Amino acid sequence: MLCVMVALRDGGNPRPPAIWRTMSALDTGLVHLVGRLRVTGGIPRALRGRPLLMAANHIGVFDAFVLIAACQRLGFAPRFLLAGGLLDAPVLGPALRASGHLRVDRGKATAVEQFAQAVEAMRTTTSPIIVYPEGRISHDPGLWPERGKTGAARLALAAGVPVVPISQWGAHEAVYWGTEKVTGPADLLPLARSGFTAPLRRPTFKVHFGDPVDLSDVDPERPGAGVRAHAKIMRAITAGLVPLRASEPDRPRFHDPTRPTDTVSPWRPGA
């Protein structure tokens, strides 16, 4: 799944819908209630006000909340390109649609058209777009980035836009992974129990906005360009992640018994 956040700067562009501004403010309050947020790095001045793609690692169900709060701190109000099922959900779906979020349907012919629309949006917008290249929460035992998919890299190459890597650590401690599919209330219990105790544990959420990834040597017209660009992006995310988790370089100290550990990251240091 190409999971994307479209971030709109408050200055120079139309303000996000009021409902999304309200939800974002509530999100920031929630993040500060649950833990401590530390944001480092930023967006180079030369890249502000022009098309830009941001790529982040995916470590837990709470990390999107943390990213929204981190963007808010830097003056951005992120919006998402979401799976159709989420936008069709009762209660939450209408609020997300009213907030201006975009839709993507996996495995459908419309996905090709939606990708083309995303490329065009990247070329014309002056607001950054944030993507999860992995497409899902990492299953690597050490919670290093998974191999991921080339969608974000192909989007950047097709649109000809710079890429800023985002590395994050700590959000996995707020809420358990849970289960792949929710079939009943029992599936939500691990998430609820861990989430309710998070304010007592006060995890530290670290988010780092890295230097732009140099893709100047990747020719978008050559076969395998997306794979090469994707590898550069993922290595940049990992490089930014290393100092955030310097005290736990192998496996996370926080043990989540619900998270699968059935893959091995090709991007971990020394791999």
C-alpha atoms as a PDB file:
ATOM      1  CA  MET A   1       0.000   0.000   0.000  1.00  0.00           C
ATOM      2  CA  LEU A   2       1.278   3.460  -0.844  1.00  0.00           C
ATOM      3  CA  CYS A   3       0.530   5.222   2.424  1.00  0.00           C
ATOM      4  CA  VAL A   4       0.947   8.952   1.968  1.00  0.00           C
ATOM      5  CA  MET A   5       0.482  12.110   4.017  1.00  0.00           C
ATOM      6  CA  VAL A   6       0.016  15.352   2.130  1.00  0.00           C
ATOM      7  CA  ALA A   7       1.379  18.163   4.310  1.00  0.00           C
ATOM      8  CA  LEU A   8       0.115  21.695   3.780  1.00  0.00           C
ATOM      9  CA  ARG A   9       2.089  24.612   5.126  1.00  0.00           C
ATOM     10  CA  ASP A  10       0.073  27.240   6.934  1.00  0.00           C
ATOM     11  CA  GLY A  11       1.911  29.989   5.084  1.00  0.00           C
ATOM     12  CA  GLY A  12       1.495  30.462   1.342  1.00  0.00           C
ATOM     13  CA  ASN A  13      -1.196  27.817   0.820  1.00  0.00           C
ATOM     14  CA  PRO A  14      -4.901  27.481   1.673  1.00  0.00           C
ATOM     15  CA  ARG A  15      -5.430  26.396   5.267  1.00  0.00           C
ATOM     16  CA  PRO A  16      -6.544  22.804   5.830  1.00  0.00           C
ATOM     17  CA  PRO A  17     -10.271  22.287   6.521  1.00  0.00           C
ATOM     18  CA  ALA A  18     -11.367  23.294  10.000  1.00  0.00           C
ATOM     19  CA  ILE A  19     -12.223  19.720  10.946  1.00  0.00           C
ATOM     20  CA  TRP A  20      -8.673  18.582  10.145  1.00  0.00           C
ATOM     21  CA  ARG A  21      -7.140  21.516  12.010  1.00  0.00           C
ATOM     22  CA  THR A  22      -9.206  20.480  15.012  1.00  0.00           C
ATOM     23  CA  MET A  23      -8.251  16.814  14.675  1.00  0.00           C
ATOM     24  CA  SER A  24      -4.568  17.751  14.299  1.00  0.00           C
ATOM     25  CA  ALA A  25      -4.707  19.926  17.428  1.00  0.00           C
ATOM     26  CA  LEU A  26      -6.302  17.058  19.359  1.00  0.00           C
ATOM     27  CA  ASP A  27      -3.631  14.723  17.987  1.00  0.00           C
ATOM     28  CA  THR A  28      -0.837  16.976  19.243  1.00  0.00           C
ATOM     29  CA  GLY A  29      -2.468  17.102  22.669  1.00  0.00           C
ATOM     30  CA  LEU A  30      -2.759  13.306  22.710  1.00  0.00           C
ATOM     31  CA  VAL A  31       0.907  12.813  21.775  1.00  0.00           C
ATOM     32  CA  HIS A  32       2.039  15.146  24.565  1.00  0.00           C
ATOM     33  CA  LEU A  33      -0.274  13.355  27.011  1.00  0.00           C
ATOM     34  CA  VAL A  34       1.094   9.930  26.103  1.00  0.00           C
ATOM     35  CA  GLY A  35       4.816  10.746  25.956  1.00  0.00           C
ATOM     36  CA  ARG A  36       7.584  13.232  25.218  1.00  0.00           C
ATOM     37  CA  LEU A  37       8.182  14.474  21.657  1.00  0.00           C
ATOM     38  CA  ARG A  38      11.650  15.363  20.413  1.00  0.00           C
ATOM     39  CA  VAL A  39      12.060  16.673  16.863  1.00  0.00           C
ATOM     40  CA  THR A  40      15.425  17.237  15.185  1.00  0.00           C
ATOM     41  CA  GLY A  41      16.425  18.387  11.727  1.00  0.00           C
ATOM     42  CA  GLY A  42      13.983  20.146   9.445  1.00  0.00           C
ATOM     43  CA  ILE A  43      13.265  21.189   5.897  1.00  0.00           C
ATOM     44  CA  PRO A  44      16.017  23.186   4.162  1.00  0.00           C
ATOM     45  CA  ARG A  45      14.916  26.720   3.393  1.00  0.00           C
ATOM     46  CA  ALA A  46      15.707  26.164  -0.291  1.00  0.00           C
ATOM     47  CA  LEU A  47      13.101  23.355  -0.444  1.00  0.00           C
ATOM     48  CA  ARG A  48      10.268  25.245   1.208  1.00  0.00           C
ATOM     49  CA  GLY A  49       7.470  26.312  -1.066  1.00  0.00           C
ATOM     50  CA  ARG A  50       8.305  23.760  -3.764  1.00  0.00           C
ATOM     51  CA  PRO A  51       7.276  20.143  -4.478  1.00  0.00           C
ATOM     52  CA  LEU A  52       8.867  17.755  -1.984  1.00  0.00           C
ATOM     53  CA  LEU A  53       8.471  14.104  -0.958  1.00  0.00           C
ATOM     54  CA  MET A  54       9.176  12.884   2.564  1.00  0.00           C
ATOM     55  CA  ALA A  55       9.703   9.186   3.364  1.00  0.00           C
ATOM     56  CA  ALA A  56       9.342   7.788   6.914  1.00  0.00           C
ATOM     57  CA  ASN A  57       9.932   4.424   8.586  1.00  0.00           C
ATOM     58  CA  HIS A  58       6.906   2.619  10.035  1.00  0.00           C
ATOM     59  CA  ILE A  59       7.340   1.303  13.585  1.00  0.00           C
ATOM     60  CA  GLY A  60       3.886   1.128  15.164  1.00  0.00           C
ATOM     61  CA  VAL A  61       0.204   1.974  15.061  1.00  0.00           C
ATOM     62  CA  PHE A  62       0.844   5.197  16.992  1.00  0.00           C
ATOM     63  CA  ASP A  63       3.643   6.551  14.807  1.00  0.00           C
ATOM     64  CA  ALA A  64       1.305   8.395  12.412  1.00  0.00           C
ATOM     65  CA  PHE A  65       0.025  10.389  15.402  1.00  0.00           C
ATOM     66  CA  VAL A  66       3.613  11.211  16.329  1.00  0.00           C
ATOM     67  CA  LEU A  67       4.440  12.288  12.770  1.00  0.00           C
ATOM     68  CA  ILE A  68       1.429  14.603  12.677  1.00  0.00           C
ATOM     69  CA  ALA A  69       2.571  16.244  15.922  1.00  0.00           C
ATOM     70  CA  ALA A  70       6.163  16.518  14.642  1.00  0.00           C
ATOM     71  CA  CYS A  71       4.952  18.182  11.435  1.00  0.00           C
ATOM     72  CA  GLN A  72       2.799  20.536  13.483  1.00  0.00           C
ATOM     73  CA  ARG A  73       5.880  21.560  15.443  1.00  0.00           C
ATOM     74  CA  LEU A  74       7.619  22.438  12.164  1.00  0.00           C
ATOM     75  CA  GLY A  75       4.585  24.350  10.917  1.00  0.00           C
ATOM     76  CA  PHE A  76       2.867  21.699   8.779  1.00  0.00           C
ATOM     77  CA  ALA A  77      -0.618  20.192   8.897  1.00  0.00           C
ATOM     78  CA  PRO A  78      -0.334  16.731   7.264  1.00  0.00           C
ATOM     79  CA  ARG A  79      -3.058  15.028   5.298  1.00  0.00           C
ATOM     80  CA  PHE A  80      -3.097  11.436   4.080  1.00  0.00           C
ATOM     81  CA  LEU A  81      -3.592   9.334   0.971  1.00  0.00           C
ATOM     82  CA  LEU A  82      -5.605   6.582   2.648  1.00  0.00           C
ATOM     83  CA  ALA A  83      -6.891   3.130   1.824  1.00  0.00           C
ATOM     84  CA  GLY A  84     -10.473   3.256   0.606  1.00  0.00           C
ATOM     85  CA  GLY A  85     -11.676   1.027   3.446  1.00  0.00           C
ATOM     86  CA  LEU A  86     -10.638   3.591   6.048  1.00  0.00           C
ATOM     87  CA  LEU A  87     -12.442   6.385   4.238  1.00  0.00           C
ATOM     88  CA  ASP A  88     -15.568   4.218   4.035  1.00  0.00           C
ATOM     89  CA  ALA A  89     -15.541   3.422   7.773  1.00  0.00           C
ATOM     90  CA  PRO A  90     -18.472   4.706   9.858  1.00  0.00           C
ATOM     91  CA  VAL A  91     -17.900   7.884  11.906  1.00  0.00           C
ATOM     92  CA  LEU A  92     -14.171   8.191  11.135  1.00  0.00           C
ATOM     93  CA  GLY A  93     -14.576   7.911   7.359  1.00  0.00           C
ATOM     94  CA  PRO A  94     -16.813  10.980   6.899  1.00  0.00           C
ATOM     95  CA  ALA A  95     -14.494  13.057   9.109  1.00  0.00           C
ATOM     96  CA  LEU A  96     -11.459  12.016   7.076  1.00  0.00           C
ATOM     97  CA  ARG A  97     -13.223  12.709   3.782  1.00  0.00           C
ATOM     98  CA  ALA A  98     -14.300  16.135   5.021  1.00  0.00           C
ATOM     99  CA  SER A  99     -10.677  16.789   6.019  1.00  0.00           C
ATOM    100  CA  GLY A 100      -9.608  16.531   2.394  1.00  0.00           C
ATOM    101  CA  HIS A 101      -7.739  13.234   2.501  1.00  0.00           C
ATOM    102  CA  LEU A 102      -7.142  11.364  -0.745  1.00  0.00           C
ATOM    103  CA  ARG A 103      -8.175   7.816  -1.623  1.00  0.00           C
ATOM    104  CA  VAL A 104      -6.244   4.830  -2.924  1.00  0.00           C
ATOM    105  CA  ASP A 105      -7.743   1.374  -3.583  1.00  0.00           C
ATOM    106  CA  ARG A 106      -5.245  -1.468  -3.630  1.00  0.00           C
ATOM    107  CA  GLY A 107      -5.534  -4.092  -6.345  1.00  0.00           C
ATOM    108  CA  LYS A 108      -7.913  -2.046  -8.462  1.00  0.00           C
ATOM    109  CA  ALA A 109      -7.425  -0.476 -11.858  1.00  0.00           C
ATOM    110  CA  THR A 110      -8.060   2.923 -10.298  1.00  0.00           C
ATOM    111  CA  ALA A 111      -4.735   2.613  -8.442  1.00  0.00           C
ATOM    112  CA  VAL A 112      -2.870   3.304 -11.705  1.00  0.00           C
ATOM    113  CA  GLU A 113      -4.930   6.427 -12.288  1.00  0.00           C
ATOM    114  CA  GLN A 114      -4.452   7.485  -8.672  1.00  0.00           C
ATOM    115  CA  PHE A 115      -0.679   7.115  -9.017  1.00  0.00           C
ATOM    116  CA  ALA A 116      -0.742   9.349 -12.099  1.00  0.00           C
ATOM    117  CA  GLN A 117      -2.801  11.885 -10.162  1.00  0.00           C
ATOM    118  CA  ALA A 118      -0.289  11.751  -7.294  1.00  0.00           C
ATOM    119  CA  VAL A 119       2.556  12.425  -9.740  1.00  0.00           C
ATOM    120  CA  GLU A 120       0.716  15.423 -11.158  1.00  0.00           C
ATOM    121  CA  ALA A 121      -0.039  16.677  -7.645  1.00  0.00           C
ATOM    122  CA  MET A 122       3.644  16.352  -6.748  1.00  0.00           C
ATOM    123  CA  ARG A 123       4.638  18.441  -9.759  1.00  0.00           C
ATOM    124  CA  THR A 124       2.217  21.262  -9.040  1.00  0.00           C
ATOM    125  CA  THR A 125       1.880  21.486  -5.252  1.00  0.00           C
ATOM    126  CA  THR A 126       4.103  23.613  -3.048  1.00  0.00           C
ATOM    127  CA  SER A 127       3.356  21.351  -0.078  1.00  0.00           C
ATOM    128  CA  PRO A 128       5.350  18.241   0.927  1.00  0.00           C
ATOM    129  CA  ILE A 129       3.962  14.717   0.665  1.00  0.00           C
ATOM    130  CA  ILE A 130       5.008  12.145   3.281  1.00  0.00           C
ATOM    131  CA  VAL A 131       5.083   8.418   2.485  1.00  0.00           C
ATOM    132  CA  TYR A 132       5.701   5.127   4.311  1.00  0.00           C
ATOM    133  CA  PRO A 133       7.847   3.218   1.775  1.00  0.00           C
ATOM    134  CA  GLU A 134       7.570   0.000   3.814  1.00  0.00           C
ATOM    135  CA  GLY A 135       3.801  -0.096   3.384  1.00  0.00           C
ATOM    136  CA  ARG A 136       3.313  -1.734   6.782  1.00  0.00           C
ATOM    137  CA  ILE A 137       4.760  -1.784  10.300  1.00  0.00           C
ATOM    138  CA  SER A 138       8.132  -3.528  10.263  1.00  0.00           C
ATOM    139  CA  HIS A 139       8.203  -7.235  11.130  1.00  0.00           C
ATOM    140  CA  ASP A 140      11.991  -7.212  11.574  1.00  0.00           C
ATOM    141  CA  PRO A 141      12.915  -8.466  15.081  1.00  0.00           C
ATOM    142  CA  GLY A 142      15.047  -5.363  15.605  1.00  0.00           C
ATOM    143  CA  LEU A 143      12.348  -3.068  14.203  1.00  0.00           C
ATOM    144  CA  TRP A 144      14.694  -1.872  11.472  1.00  0.00           C
ATOM    145  CA  PRO A 145      12.991  -0.797   8.225  1.00  0.00           C
ATOM    146  CA  GLU A 146      11.624  -3.611   6.078  1.00  0.00           C
ATOM    147  CA  ARG A 147      12.609  -4.034   2.447  1.00  0.00           C
ATOM    148  CA  GLY A 148       9.551  -2.007   1.454  1.00  0.00           C
ATOM    149  CA  LYS A 149       8.195  -1.183  -1.962  1.00  0.00           C
ATOM    150  CA  THR A 150       9.336   1.140  -4.715  1.00  0.00           C
ATOM    151  CA  GLY A 151       6.148   3.212  -4.969  1.00  0.00           C
ATOM    152  CA  ALA A 152       7.525   6.247  -3.111  1.00  0.00           C
ATOM    153  CA  ALA A 153      10.765   6.203  -5.097  1.00  0.00           C
ATOM    154  CA  ARG A 154       8.921   5.872  -8.401  1.00  0.00           C
ATOM    155  CA  LEU A 155       6.654   8.757  -7.399  1.00  0.00           C
ATOM    156  CA  ALA A 156       9.660  10.983  -6.650  1.00  0.00           C
ATOM    157  CA  LEU A 157      11.416  10.044  -9.892  1.00  0.00           C
ATOM    158  CA  ALA A 158       8.307  10.452 -12.022  1.00  0.00           C
ATOM    159  CA  ALA A 159       7.565  13.866 -10.523  1.00  0.00           C
ATOM    160  CA  GLY A 160      11.214  14.936 -10.414  1.00  0.00           C
ATOM    161  CA  VAL A 161      11.041  16.130  -6.806  1.00  0.00           C
ATOM    162  CA  PRO A 162      13.552  16.016  -3.906  1.00  0.00           C
ATOM    163  CA  VAL A 163      13.187  13.414  -1.161  1.00  0.00           C
ATOM    164  CA  VAL A 164      13.668  14.115   2.552  1.00  0.00           C
ATOM    165  CA  PRO A 165      14.002  11.020   4.804  1.00  0.00           C
ATOM    166  CA  ILE A 166      12.219  10.948   8.150  1.00  0.00           C
ATOM    167  CA  SER A 167      13.481   8.589  10.854  1.00  0.00           C
ATOM    168  CA  GLN A 168      11.458   7.943  13.998  1.00  0.00           C
ATOM    169  CA  TRP A 169      11.790   5.891  17.167  1.00  0.00           C
ATOM    170  CA  GLY A 170       9.715   5.401  20.309  1.00  0.00           C
ATOM    171  CA  ALA A 171       6.149   5.380  18.971  1.00  0.00           C
ATOM    172  CA  HIS A 172       6.193   1.562  19.086  1.00  0.00           C
ATOM    173  CA  GLU A 173       6.225   1.813  22.889  1.00  0.00           C
ATOM    174  CA  ALA A 174       2.876   3.612  23.076  1.00  0.00           C
ATOM    175  CA  VAL A 175       0.524   1.002  21.596  1.00  0.00           C
ATOM    176  CA  TYR A 176       0.991  -2.684  20.751  1.00  0.00           C
ATOM    177  CA  TRP A 177       0.936  -3.866  17.123  1.00  0.00           C
ATOM    178  CA  GLY A 178      -2.146  -5.951  17.922  1.00  0.00           C
ATOM    179  CA  THR A 179      -3.334  -8.069  15.011  1.00  0.00           C
ATOM    180  CA  GLU A 180      -3.402  -7.962  11.207  1.00  0.00           C
ATOM    181  CA  LYS A 181      -7.209  -7.903  11.113  1.00  0.00           C
ATOM    182  CA  VAL A 182      -9.727  -6.876  13.729  1.00  0.00           C
ATOM    183  CA  THR A 183     -12.549  -9.405  13.881  1.00  0.00           C
ATOM    184  CA  GLY A 184     -13.963  -8.547  17.296  1.00  0.00           C
ATOM    185  CA  PRO A 185     -13.479  -6.657  20.576  1.00  0.00           C
ATOM    186  CA  ALA A 186     -10.904  -9.190  21.790  1.00  0.00           C
ATOM    187  CA  ASP A 187      -8.533  -8.100  19.018  1.00  0.00           C
ATOM    188  CA  LEU A 188      -8.549  -4.555  20.391  1.00  0.00           C
ATOM    189  CA  LEU A 189      -7.735  -5.466  23.993  1.00  0.00           C
ATOM    190  CA  PRO A 190      -3.905  -5.507  23.588  1.00  0.00           C
ATOM    191  CA  LEU A 191      -4.011  -2.085  21.947  1.00  0.00           C
ATOM    192  CA  ALA A 192      -6.318  -0.685  24.622  1.00  0.00           C
ATOM    193  CA  ARG A 193      -4.275  -2.057  27.531  1.00  0.00           C
ATOM    194  CA  SER A 194      -0.968  -0.782  26.190  1.00  0.00           C
ATOM    195  CA  GLY A 195      -2.444   2.565  25.142  1.00  0.00           C
ATOM    196  CA  PHE A 196      -4.064   3.227  28.520  1.00  0.00           C
ATOM    197  CA  THR A 197      -0.787   2.571  30.370  1.00  0.00           C
ATOM    198  CA  ALA A 198       1.378   4.624  27.992  1.00  0.00           C
ATOM    199  CA  PRO A 199       0.821   7.943  29.865  1.00  0.00           C
ATOM    200  CA  LEU A 200       2.224   6.238  32.977  1.00  0.00           C
ATOM    201  CA  ARG A 201       5.279   4.973  31.080  1.00  0.00           C
ATOM    202  CA  ARG A 202       5.826   8.275  29.194  1.00  0.00           C
ATOM    203  CA  PRO A 203       7.853   6.959  26.232  1.00  0.00           C
ATOM    204  CA  THR A 204      10.048   9.393  24.317  1.00  0.00           C
ATOM    205  CA  PHE A 205       9.065   9.911  20.678  1.00  0.00           C
ATOM    206  CA  LYS A 206      12.035  10.897  18.523  1.00  0.00           C
ATOM    207  CA  VAL A 207      11.544  12.207  14.985  1.00  0.00           C
ATOM    208  CA  HIS A 208      14.418  13.311  12.759  1.00  0.00           C
ATOM    209  CA  PHE A 209      14.054  15.084   9.414  1.00  0.00           C
ATOM    210  CA  GLY A 210      17.226  14.237   7.480  1.00  0.00           C
ATOM    211  CA  ASP A 211      19.145  15.823   4.635  1.00  0.00           C
ATOM    212  CA  PRO A 212      17.659  15.401   1.145  1.00  0.00           C
ATOM    213  CA  VAL A 213      18.543  12.119  -0.573  1.00  0.00           C
ATOM    214  CA  ASP A 214      20.800  12.596  -3.608  1.00  0.00           C
ATOM    215  CA  LEU A 215      19.079  10.875  -6.548  1.00  0.00           C
ATOM    216  CA  SER A 216      20.958  12.825  -9.219  1.00  0.00           C
ATOM    217  CA  ASP A 217      22.760   9.688 -10.404  1.00  0.00           C
ATOM    218  CA  VAL A 218      19.518   7.722 -10.910  1.00  0.00           C
ATOM    219  CA  ASP A 219      18.213   7.961 -14.473  1.00  0.00           C
ATOM    220  CA  PRO A 220      14.417   7.547 -14.278  1.00  0.00           C
ATOM    221  CA  GLU A 221      14.363   6.202 -17.840  1.00  0.00           C
ATOM    222  CA  ARG A 222      16.690   3.279 -17.138  1.00  0.00           C
ATOM    223  CA  PRO A 223      15.343  -0.129 -16.030  1.00  0.00           C
ATOM    224  CA  GLY A 224      15.531  -0.630 -12.276  1.00  0.00           C
ATOM    225  CA  ALA A 225      15.624   3.097 -11.513  1.00  0.00           C
ATOM    226  CA  GLY A 226      12.877   2.740  -8.921  1.00  0.00           C
ATOM    227  CA  VAL A 227      14.759  -0.041  -7.129  1.00  0.00           C
ATOM    228  CA  ARG A 228      17.982   1.971  -6.970  1.00  0.00           C
ATOM    229  CA  ALA A 229      16.237   5.116  -5.780  1.00  0.00           C
ATOM    230  CA  HIS A 230      14.284   3.114  -3.191  1.00  0.00           C
ATOM    231  CA  ALA A 231      17.514   1.632  -1.799  1.00  0.00           C
ATOM    232  CA  LYS A 232      19.034   5.091  -1.413  1.00  0.00           C
ATOM    233  CA  ILE A 233      15.954   6.371   0.388  1.00  0.00           C
ATOM    234  CA  MET A 234      15.785   3.403   2.759  1.00  0.00           C
ATOM    235  CA  ARG A 235      19.492   3.646   3.604  1.00  0.00           C
ATOM    236  CA  ALA A 236      19.037   7.340   4.379  1.00  0.00           C
ATOM    237  CA  ILE A 237      16.132   6.535   6.706  1.00  0.00           C
ATOM    238  CA  THR A 238      18.258   3.907   8.453  1.00  0.00           C
ATOM    239  CA  ALA A 239      21.206   6.291   8.776  1.00  0.00           C
ATOM    240  CA  GLY A 240      18.953   8.793  10.541  1.00  0.00           C
ATOM    241  CA  LEU A 241      17.498   6.042  12.741  1.00  0.00           C
ATOM    242  CA  VAL A 242      20.849   4.793  14.084  1.00  0.00           C
ATOM    243  CA  PRO A 243      21.510   7.744  16.441  1.00  0.00           C
ATOM    244  CA  LEU A 244      17.884   7.830  17.601  1.00  0.00           C
ATOM    245  CA  ARG A 245      18.230   4.297  18.993  1.00  0.00           C
ATOM    246  CA  ALA A 246      21.928   4.317  19.903  1.00  0.00           C
ATOM    247  CA  SER A 247      21.257   2.700  23.291  1.00  0.00           C
ATOM    248  CA  GLU A 248      19.329  -0.203  21.734  1.00  0.00           C
ATOM    249  CA  PRO A 249      21.087  -0.968  18.423  1.00  0.00           C
ATOM    250  CA  ASP A 250      20.034  -4.607  18.075  1.00  0.00           C
ATOM    251  CA  ARG A 251      16.524  -5.136  19.403  1.00  0.00           C
ATOM    252  CA  PRO A 252      14.075  -2.747  21.073  1.00  0.00           C
ATOM    253  CA  ARG A 253      14.109  -2.774  24.865  1.00  0.00           C
ATOM    254  CA  PHE A 254      10.333  -2.500  24.779  1.00  0.00           C
ATOM    255  CA  HIS A 255       8.886  -5.937  24.074  1.00  0.00           C
ATOM    256  CA  ASP A 256       5.641  -6.083  22.109  1.00  0.00           C
ATOM    257  CA  PRO A 257       4.452  -9.721  22.266  1.00  0.00           C
ATOM    258  CA  THR A 258       1.876  -9.123  19.521  1.00  0.00           C
ATOM    259  CA  ARG A 259       4.207  -7.846  16.769  1.00  0.00           C
ATOM    260  CA  PRO A 260       5.310 -10.445  14.185  1.00  0.00           C
ATOM    261  CA  THR A 261       9.070 -10.903  13.776  1.00  0.00           C
ATOM    262  CA  ASP A 262       9.123 -12.984  10.603  1.00  0.00           C
ATOM    263  CA  THR A 263      11.216 -10.807   8.277  1.00  0.00           C
ATOM    264  CA  VAL A 264      14.819  -9.617   8.210  1.00  0.00           C
ATOM    265  CA  SER A 265      15.632  -6.045   7.269  1.00  0.00           C
ATOM    266  CA  PRO A 266      18.160  -5.640   4.428  1.00  0.00           C
ATOM    267  CA  TRP A 267      18.846  -2.066   5.588  1.00  0.00           C
ATOM    268  CA  ARG A 268      19.966  -2.666   9.173  1.00  0.00           C
ATOM    269  CA  PRO A 269      23.531  -1.477   9.879  1.00  0.00           C
ATOM    270  CA  GLY A 270      26.055  -4.084   8.822  1.00  0.00           C
ATOM    271  CA  ALA A 271      23.528  -6.006   6.696  1.00  0.00           C
END
